[in-house]
C-alpha atoms as a PDB file:
ATOM      1  CA  MET A   1      56.424  60.040 118.684  1.00  0.00           C
ATOM      2  CA  PHE A   2      55.372  62.349 121.396  1.00  0.00           C
ATOM      3  CA  ALA A   3      57.619  61.195 123.562  1.00  0.00           C
ATOM      4  CA  LEU A   4      60.115  61.128 121.281  1.00  0.00           C
ATOM      5  CA  ALA A   5      59.469  64.977 120.646  1.00  0.00           C
ATOM      6  CA  LEU A   6      59.659  65.904 124.772  1.00  0.00           C
ATOM      7  CA  ALA A   7      63.168  63.994 124.445  1.00  0.00           C
ATOM      8  CA  CYS A   8      64.301  66.617 121.811  1.00  0.00           C
ATOM      9  CA  VAL A   9      62.552  69.543 123.151  1.00  0.00           C
ATOM     10  CA  GLY A  10      64.131  68.564 126.502  1.00  0.00           C
ATOM     11  CA  ILE A  11      67.556  68.677 125.078  1.00  0.00           C
ATOM     12  CA  TYR A  12      67.433  71.982 123.097  1.00  0.00           C
ATOM     13  CA  THR A  13      65.963  73.338 126.750  1.00  0.00           C
ATOM     14  CA  LEU A  14      68.679  72.106 128.649  1.00  0.00           C
ATOM     15  CA  MET A  15      71.018  73.832 125.950  1.00  0.00           C
ATOM     16  CA  SER A  16      69.456  76.838 125.816  1.00  0.00           C
ATOM     17  CA  ALA A  17      69.800  76.842 129.211  1.00  0.00           C
ATOM     18  CA  PHE A  18      73.290  76.607 129.584  1.00  0.00           C
ATOM     19  CA  VAL A  19      74.071  78.540 126.642  1.00  0.00           C
ATOM     20  CA  GLY A  20      71.705  81.496 128.098  1.00  0.00           C
ATOM     21  CA  ALA A  21      73.410  81.137 131.358  1.00  0.00           C
ATOM     22  CA  ARG A  22      77.357  80.922 129.891  1.00  0.00           C
ATOM     23  CA  LEU A  23      76.410  84.511 127.522  1.00  0.00           C
ATOM     24  CA  VAL A  24      74.974  86.348 131.021  1.00  0.00           C
ATOM     25  CA  LEU A  25      77.862  85.741 132.877  1.00  0.00           C
ATOM     26  CA  ARG A  26      80.089  86.614 129.865  1.00  0.00           C
ATOM     27  CA  ALA A  27      77.766  89.925 129.341  1.00  0.00           C
ATOM     28  CA  LEU A  28      77.889  91.162 133.345  1.00  0.00           C
ATOM     29  CA  PRO A  29      81.534  91.931 133.203  1.00  0.00           C
ATOM     30  CA  ALA A  30      81.807  93.764 129.995  1.00  0.00           C
ATOM     31  CA  ARG A  31      78.668  95.241 130.118  1.00  0.00           C
ATOM     32  CA  GLY A  32      78.069  93.673 126.652  1.00  0.00           C
ATOM     33  CA  VAL A  33      74.026  94.394 125.971  1.00  0.00           C
ATOM     34  CA  PRO A  34      74.022  92.106 122.526  1.00  0.00           C
ATOM     35  CA  GLU A  35      75.568  89.368 124.759  1.00  0.00           C
ATOM     36  CA  LEU A  36      73.157  90.207 127.494  1.00  0.00           C
ATOM     37  CA  LEU A  37      70.200  90.240 125.367  1.00  0.00           C
ATOM     38  CA  MET A  38      70.832  86.693 124.014  1.00  0.00           C
ATOM     39  CA  GLY A  39      71.898  85.043 127.016  1.00  0.00           C
ATOM     40  CA  LEU A  40      68.313  86.172 128.510  1.00  0.00           C
ATOM     41  CA  ALA A  41      66.843  85.044 125.209  1.00  0.00           C
ATOM     42  CA  TYR A  42      67.875  81.472 125.804  1.00  0.00           C
ATOM     43  CA  LEU A  43      67.743  81.510 129.430  1.00  0.00           C
ATOM     44  CA  ALA A  44      64.145  83.330 130.184  1.00  0.00           C
ATOM     45  CA  ALA A  45      62.024  81.588 127.439  1.00  0.00           C
ATOM     46  CA  PRO A  46      63.179  77.899 126.190  1.00  0.00           C
ATOM     47  CA  GLY A  47      65.421  77.706 129.192  1.00  0.00           C
ATOM     48  CA  ILE A  48      62.892  78.704 132.461  1.00  0.00           C
ATOM     49  CA  GLY A  49      60.283  79.466 131.020  1.00  0.00           C
ATOM     50  CA  TYR A  50      58.734  76.993 128.262  1.00  0.00           C
ATOM     51  CA  PRO A  51      59.324  73.944 130.988  1.00  0.00           C
ATOM     52  CA  LEU A  52      57.597  76.077 133.952  1.00  0.00           C
ATOM     53  CA  ALA A  53      54.473  76.286 131.528  1.00  0.00           C
ATOM     54  CA  VAL A  54      54.513  72.555 130.222  1.00  0.00           C
ATOM     55  CA  ALA A  55      55.411  71.285 134.406  1.00  0.00           C
ATOM     56  CA  SER A  56      52.520  73.345 135.421  1.00  0.00           C
ATOM     57  CA  THR A  57      50.295  71.122 133.448  1.00  0.00           C
ATOM     58  CA  ARG A  58      51.293  68.556 135.489  1.00  0.00           C
ATOM     59  CA  MET A  59      50.996  69.720 138.837  1.00  0.00           C
ATOM     60  CA  GLN A  60      48.467  67.933 141.406  1.00  0.00           C
ATOM     61  CA  ASP A  61      48.656  71.717 143.645  1.00  0.00           C
ATOM     62  CA  HIS A  62      46.325  73.646 141.579  1.00  0.00           C
ATOM     63  CA  THR A  63      47.666  76.901 143.032  1.00  0.00           C
ATOM     64  CA  ALA A  64      50.935  76.176 142.283  1.00  0.00           C
ATOM     65  CA  GLY A  65      49.934  75.120 138.788  1.00  0.00           C
ATOM     66  CA  LEU A  66      48.963  78.762 138.263  1.00  0.00           C
ATOM     67  CA  TRP A  67      51.986  80.304 139.964  1.00  0.00           C
ATOM     68  CA  MET A  68      54.159  78.015 137.456  1.00  0.00           C
ATOM     69  CA  PHE A  69      51.897  78.619 134.211  1.00  0.00           C
ATOM     70  CA  VAL A  70      52.127  82.680 135.090  1.00  0.00           C
ATOM     71  CA  ILE A  71      56.008  82.931 135.687  1.00  0.00           C
ATOM     72  CA  GLY A  72      56.451  80.657 132.776  1.00  0.00           C
ATOM     73  CA  GLN A  73      54.440  82.405 130.637  1.00  0.00           C
ATOM     74  CA  THR A  74      56.215  85.870 131.804  1.00  0.00           C
ATOM     75  CA  MET A  75      59.585  84.327 130.845  1.00  0.00           C
ATOM     76  CA  ILE A  76      58.431  83.456 127.681  1.00  0.00           C
ATOM     77  CA  VAL A  77      57.396  86.988 126.849  1.00  0.00           C
ATOM     78  CA  LEU A  78      60.528  88.446 128.244  1.00  0.00           C
ATOM     79  CA  GLY A  79      62.894  85.535 126.552  1.00  0.00           C
ATOM     80  CA  CYS A  80      61.282  86.531 123.247  1.00  0.00           C
ATOM     81  CA  SER A  81      61.369  90.165 123.571  1.00  0.00           C
ATOM     82  CA  CYS A  82      65.268  90.155 124.214  1.00  0.00           C
ATOM     83  CA  PHE A  83      65.637  88.545 121.016  1.00  0.00           C
ATOM     84  CA  PHE A  84      63.252  91.156 119.423  1.00  0.00           C
ATOM     85  CA  PHE A  85      66.334  93.504 120.354  1.00  0.00           C
ATOM     86  CA  PHE A  86      68.736  91.690 120.062  1.00  0.00           C
ATOM     87  CA  ASN A  87      67.784  91.595 116.282  1.00  0.00           C
ATOM     88  CA  ALA A  88      67.524  95.031 116.112  1.00  0.00           C
ATOM     89  CA  ARG A  89      70.436  96.277 117.920  1.00  0.00           C
ATOM     90  CA  VAL A  90      72.877  93.783 116.351  1.00  0.00           C
ATOM     91  CA  PHE A  91      71.966  93.829 112.792  1.00  0.00           C
ATOM     92  CA  ARG A  92      69.993  96.979 112.168  1.00  0.00           C
ATOM     93  CA  PRO A  93      71.513  99.917 115.061  1.00  0.00           C
ATOM     94  CA  LYS A  94      70.353 102.747 113.393  1.00  0.00           C
ATOM     95  CA  SER A  95      67.504 101.655 111.879  1.00  0.00           C
ATOM     96  CA  VAL A  96      64.282 103.133 113.814  1.00  0.00           C
ATOM     97  CA  LEU A  97      62.172 100.877 112.106  1.00  0.00           C
ATOM     98  CA  ALA A  98      63.812  97.738 113.453  1.00  0.00           C
ATOM     99  CA  GLN A  99      63.729  99.036 116.687  1.00  0.00           C
ATOM    100  CA  ALA A 100      59.950  99.823 116.141  1.00  0.00           C
ATOM    101  CA  ALA A 101      59.429  96.306 115.148  1.00  0.00           C
ATOM    102  CA  ALA A 102      61.097  94.699 118.148  1.00  0.00           C
ATOM    103  CA  ALA A 103      59.360  97.113 120.192  1.00  0.00           C
ATOM    104  CA  LEU A 104      55.752  96.234 118.441  1.00  0.00           C
ATOM    105  CA  GLY A 105      56.937  92.389 118.651  1.00  0.00           C
ATOM    106  CA  ALA A 106      57.282  92.795 122.047  1.00  0.00           C
ATOM    107  CA  VAL A 107      53.839  94.529 122.388  1.00  0.00           C
ATOM    108  CA  LEU A 108      52.417  91.697 120.790  1.00  0.00           C
ATOM    109  CA  PHE A 109      53.813  89.175 122.889  1.00  0.00           C
ATOM    110  CA  ALA A 110      52.741  90.549 126.064  1.00  0.00           C
ATOM    111  CA  LEU A 111      49.483  91.214 125.103  1.00  0.00           C
ATOM    112  CA  SER A 112      49.048  87.654 123.867  1.00  0.00           C
ATOM    113  CA  GLY A 113      50.699  86.532 126.756  1.00  0.00           C
ATOM    114  CA  SER A 114      48.476  87.988 129.058  1.00  0.00           C
ATOM    115  CA  GLU A 115      45.518  86.627 127.483  1.00  0.00           C
ATOM    116  CA  ILE A 116      46.424  83.498 127.245  1.00  0.00           C
ATOM    117  CA  THR A 117      47.584  83.423 131.135  1.00  0.00           C
ATOM    118  CA  ARG A 118      43.621  84.959 131.980  1.00  0.00           C
ATOM    119  CA  GLY A 119      42.191  81.914 129.509  1.00  0.00           C
ATOM    120  CA  HIS A 120      44.421  79.654 131.485  1.00  0.00           C
ATOM    121  CA  ILE A 121      43.433  81.072 135.215  1.00  0.00           C
ATOM    122  CA  ALA A 122      40.003  80.538 134.019  1.00  0.00           C
ATOM    123  CA  LEU A 123      39.795  77.136 132.357  1.00  0.00           C
ATOM    124  CA  GLY A 124      43.568  75.387 133.016  1.00  0.00           C
ATOM    125  CA  VAL A 125      44.620  73.089 130.400  1.00  0.00           C
ATOM    126  CA  ASP A 126      41.010  73.441 128.539  1.00  0.00           C
ATOM    127  CA  ALA A 127      41.927  77.177 127.870  1.00  0.00           C
ATOM    128  CA  LEU A 128      42.901  76.372 123.962  1.00  0.00           C
ATOM    129  CA  GLY A 129      39.050  75.592 123.437  1.00  0.00           C
ATOM    130  CA  LEU A 130      38.578  79.569 124.126  1.00  0.00           C
ATOM    131  CA  ALA A 131      38.785  81.443 120.653  1.00  0.00           C
ATOM    132  CA  SER A 132      40.578  84.679 122.355  1.00  0.00           C
ATOM    133  CA  VAL A 133      43.441  82.146 123.714  1.00  0.00           C
ATOM    134  CA  ARG A 134      43.530  80.157 120.120  1.00  0.00           C
ATOM    135  CA  ALA A 135      44.012  83.145 118.461  1.00  0.00           C
ATOM    136  CA  ALA A 136      46.620  84.846 121.262  1.00  0.00           C
ATOM    137  CA  SER A 137      48.680  81.689 120.752  1.00  0.00           C
ATOM    138  CA  VAL A 138      48.976  81.999 116.921  1.00  0.00           C
ATOM    139  CA  THR A 139      49.701  85.515 117.248  1.00  0.00           C
ATOM    140  CA  MET A 140      52.930  84.338 119.517  1.00  0.00           C
ATOM    141  CA  LEU A 141      53.863  81.975 117.118  1.00  0.00           C
ATOM    142  CA  ALA A 142      53.386  84.380 113.654  1.00  0.00           C
ATOM    143  CA  VAL A 143      55.493  86.848 115.495  1.00  0.00           C
ATOM    144  CA  LEU A 144      58.255  84.651 116.513  1.00  0.00           C
ATOM    145  CA  GLY A 145      57.906  83.160 113.112  1.00  0.00           C
ATOM    146  CA  LEU A 146      58.545  86.502 111.537  1.00  0.00           C
ATOM    147  CA  ALA A 147      61.314  87.696 113.412  1.00  0.00           C
ATOM    148  CA  TYR A 148      62.918  84.183 113.016  1.00  0.00           C
ATOM    149  CA  ALA A 149      62.625  84.922 109.755  1.00  0.00           C
ATOM    150  CA  TRP A 150      64.072  88.023 109.908  1.00  0.00           C
ATOM    151  CA  THR A 151      67.262  86.552 111.857  1.00  0.00           C
ATOM    152  CA  ALA A 152      68.030  83.941 109.063  1.00  0.00           C
ATOM    153  CA  TYR A 153      68.054  86.712 106.368  1.00  0.00           C
ATOM    154  CA  GLU A 154      70.227  88.853 108.572  1.00  0.00           C
ATOM    155  CA  GLY A 155      72.427  85.424 109.562  1.00  0.00           C
ATOM    156  CA  PHE A 156      72.820  84.724 105.590  1.00  0.00           C
ATOM    157  CA  ARG A 157      73.609  88.311 104.501  1.00  0.00           C
ATOM    158  CA  HIS A 158      76.519  88.455 106.538  1.00  0.00           C
ATOM    159  CA  HIS A 159      77.561  85.263 105.708  1.00  0.00           C
ATOM    160  CA  ARG A 160      78.080  86.397 102.003  1.00  0.00           C
ATOM    161  CA  MET A 161      79.390  89.475 103.335  1.00  0.00           C
ATOM    162  CA  MET A 162      82.034  87.876 105.469  1.00  0.00           C
ATOM    163  CA  ARG A 163      83.059  85.239 102.302  1.00  0.00           C
ATOM    164  CA  ARG A 164      83.357  88.093  99.948  1.00  0.00           C
ATOM    165  CA  ARG A 165      85.848  90.126 102.230  1.00  0.00           C
ATOM    166  CA  GLU A 166      87.751  86.477 102.604  1.00  0.00           C
ATOM    167  CA  LEU A 167      88.417  86.602  98.766  1.00  0.00           C
ATOM    168  CA  VAL A 168      90.807  90.080  99.494  1.00  0.00           C
ATOM    169  CA  GLY A 169      92.074  88.342 103.045  1.00  0.00           C
ATOM    170  CA  LEU A 170      89.851  90.187 105.312  1.00  0.00           C
ATOM    171  CA  GLY A 171      87.327  87.451 106.085  1.00  0.00           C
ATOM    172  CA  ASP A 172      86.966  85.384 109.505  1.00  0.00           C
ATOM    173  CA  ARG A 173      86.096  81.610 108.541  1.00  0.00           C
ATOM    174  CA  VAL A 174      84.449  81.142 111.800  1.00  0.00           C
ATOM    175  CA  VAL A 175      82.727  84.401 112.033  1.00  0.00           C
ATOM    176  CA  ALA A 176      81.971  83.695 108.624  1.00  0.00           C
ATOM    177  CA  ASN A 177      80.510  79.815 109.763  1.00  0.00           C
ATOM    178  CA  ARG A 178      78.579  81.561 112.804  1.00  0.00           C
ATOM    179  CA  PHE A 179      76.700  84.155 110.499  1.00  0.00           C
ATOM    180  CA  LEU A 180      75.722  80.392 108.591  1.00  0.00           C
ATOM    181  CA  LEU A 181      74.764  78.279 111.509  1.00  0.00           C
ATOM    182  CA  TRP A 182      72.522  81.234 113.016  1.00  0.00           C
ATOM    183  CA  ALA A 183      70.756  81.853 109.611  1.00  0.00           C
ATOM    184  CA  ILE A 184      69.738  77.833 109.367  1.00  0.00           C
ATOM    185  CA  ALA A 185      68.835  77.988 113.264  1.00  0.00           C
ATOM    186  CA  GLY A 186      66.447  80.943 112.412  1.00  0.00           C
ATOM    187  CA  SER A 187      64.985  79.456 109.318  1.00  0.00           C
ATOM    188  CA  LEU A 188      64.554  75.815 110.948  1.00  0.00           C
ATOM    189  CA  GLN A 189      62.542  77.401 113.865  1.00  0.00           C
ATOM    190  CA  MET A 190      60.907  79.253 111.875  1.00  0.00           C
ATOM    191  CA  ILE A 191      59.505  76.363 109.823  1.00  0.00           C
ATOM    192  CA  ALA A 192      58.458  75.011 113.193  1.00  0.00           C
ATOM    193  CA  ASP A 193      56.466  77.889 114.522  1.00  0.00           C
ATOM    194  CA  ALA A 194      54.523  77.933 110.853  1.00  0.00           C
ATOM    195  CA  VAL A 195      53.864  74.267 111.086  1.00  0.00           C
ATOM    196  CA  SER A 196      52.429  74.659 115.097  1.00  0.00           C
ATOM    197  CA  ALA A 197      50.468  78.266 113.887  1.00  0.00           C
ATOM    198  CA  TYR A 198      48.776  76.544 110.963  1.00  0.00           C
ATOM    199  CA  ALA A 199      47.785  73.614 112.958  1.00  0.00           C
ATOM    200  CA  LEU A 200      46.616  76.183 115.692  1.00  0.00           C
ATOM    201  CA  HIS A 201      44.543  78.226 113.255  1.00  0.00           C
ATOM    202  CA  ASN A 202      42.973  74.988 111.676  1.00  0.00           C
ATOM    203  CA  GLY A 203      41.321  73.995 115.090  1.00  0.00           C
ATOM    204  CA  GLY A 204      44.556  71.311 116.212  1.00  0.00           C
ATOM    205  CA  ASP A 205      46.272  71.047 119.133  1.00  0.00           C
ATOM    206  CA  MET A 206      50.340  71.432 118.430  1.00  0.00           C
ATOM    207  CA  THR A 207      50.881  69.043 121.398  1.00  0.00           C
ATOM    208  CA  ALA A 208      48.802  66.113 119.409  1.00  0.00           C
ATOM    209  CA  ASP A 209      49.499  67.485 115.889  1.00  0.00           C
ATOM    210  CA  PRO A 210      51.866  65.031 114.175  1.00  0.00           C
ATOM    211  CA  ALA A 211      53.087  67.195 111.780  1.00  0.00           C
ATOM    212  CA  SER A 212      53.943  69.650 114.618  1.00  0.00           C
ATOM    213  CA  ILE A 213      55.230  67.202 116.924  1.00  0.00           C
ATOM    214  CA  PHE A 214      57.651  65.997 114.283  1.00  0.00           C
ATOM    215  CA  ALA A 215      58.589  69.636 113.259  1.00  0.00           C
ATOM    216  CA  THR A 216      58.723  70.599 116.917  1.00  0.00           C
ATOM    217  CA  SER A 217      61.476  67.350 117.871  1.00  0.00           C
ATOM    218  CA  LEU A 218      63.499  67.386 114.763  1.00  0.00           C
ATOM    219  CA  VAL A 219      64.526  71.320 115.034  1.00  0.00           C
ATOM    220  CA  GLY A 220      64.534  71.018 119.067  1.00  0.00           C
ATOM    221  CA  ILE A 221      67.678  68.321 118.759  1.00  0.00           C
ATOM    222  CA  VAL A 222      69.241  70.126 115.656  1.00  0.00           C
ATOM    223  CA  ASN A 223      69.412  73.409 117.437  1.00  0.00           C
ATOM    224  CA  SER A 224      70.284  72.249 120.474  1.00  0.00           C
ATOM    225  CA  GLY A 225      73.745  71.391 118.182  1.00  0.00           C
ATOM    226  CA  LEU A 226      74.047  74.577 116.727  1.00  0.00           C
ATOM    227  CA  LEU A 227      73.825  76.826 119.670  1.00  0.00           C
ATOM    228  CA  VAL A 228      76.738  75.157 120.946  1.00  0.00           C
ATOM    229  CA  LEU A 229      78.676  75.682 117.347  1.00  0.00           C
ATOM    230  CA  ILE A 230      77.349  79.116 117.095  1.00  0.00           C
ATOM    231  CA  PHE A 231      78.012  80.230 120.970  1.00  0.00           C
ATOM    232  CA  ILE A 232      80.405  77.763 122.332  1.00  0.00           C
ATOM    233  CA  PRO A 233      82.311  75.913 119.499  1.00  0.00           C
ATOM    234  CA  PRO A 234      84.614  73.169 120.259  1.00  0.00           C
ATOM    235  CA  ALA A 235      88.187  74.377 119.602  1.00  0.00           C
ATOM    236  CA  ARG A 236      88.503  71.434 117.083  1.00  0.00           C
ATOM    237  CA  TYR A 237      85.476  72.373 114.807  1.00  0.00           C
ATOM    238  CA  ALA A 238      87.288  76.133 114.840  1.00  0.00           C
ATOM    239  CA  ARG A 239      90.430  74.192 113.860  1.00  0.00           C
ATOM    240  CA  TRP A 240      89.087  72.362 111.477  1.00  0.00           C
ATOM    241  CA  LEU A 241      87.014  75.637 109.972  1.00  0.00           C
ATOM    242  CA  MET A 242      90.534  77.448 110.028  1.00  0.00           C
ATOM    243  CA  ARG A 243      92.624  74.321 107.896  1.00  0.00           C
ATOM    244  CA  ASP A 244      89.515  74.473 105.126  1.00  0.00           C
ATOM    245  CA  HIS A 245      90.082  78.428 105.331  1.00  0.00           C
ATOM    246  CA  GLN A 246      93.737  78.000 104.649  1.00  0.00           C
ATOM    247  CA  ALA A 247      93.020  75.456 102.272  1.00  0.00           C
ATOM    248  CA  ALA A 248      90.940  77.441  99.981  1.00  0.00           C
ATOM    249  CA  LEU A 249      93.254  80.200 100.337  1.00  0.00           C
ATOM    250  CA  ALA A 250      96.174  77.680  98.992  1.00  0.00           C
ATOM    251  CA  ALA A 251      94.182  76.443  96.339  1.00  0.00           C
ATOM    252  CA  ALA A 252      93.341  80.076  95.113  1.00  0.00           C
END
């Protein structure tokens, strides 16, 4: 099961890096802040940070492994912080509370990441045995889970709004579908984070706990496909959505 989870997460990592790079390249010429934030979120955290942190534990050179872990953990904090501010910028741009929530999430991630890094420098792969490192890991997963819950709520809310606009001929089926897929991806990731946080909180290891491995592998492979459909949907898929939309209008 561990090999399956590793393969699924590997696919998700590759797709995240690909989609993140595409979004960053798209954002730079147009100076699009939302695209840049989301591109950095996917490129930095699952695309670069997570694989570096995992690979660092397999390095024979201790010093090189430590540097890889520190860089990987830094990229995870950077990517997830960009994700928090993306939610605030896109869904609640005028809300001071949303901006404050994003900033608080970024601070908690930075503090937790610092504690995890400190523990890893001191004990290496045995750092999870420290109560402070375990608490910091649970905090990161809890904060990330809440952020995904937020994005799932906003996705479902905007999908419902777009479907209502379709009734008067103002909606866009492709955009509405992106909101729906975004909400589904957020919901799945929230569940996976909750399962892993629960395992850690109860003294387990999310890399060995069967429930965590299953949740991680399932979400990784499903969200890999959702990322493509959300950010770079194939033309055939978009045409299918539009045909379905036109058929629904004709029936109405």
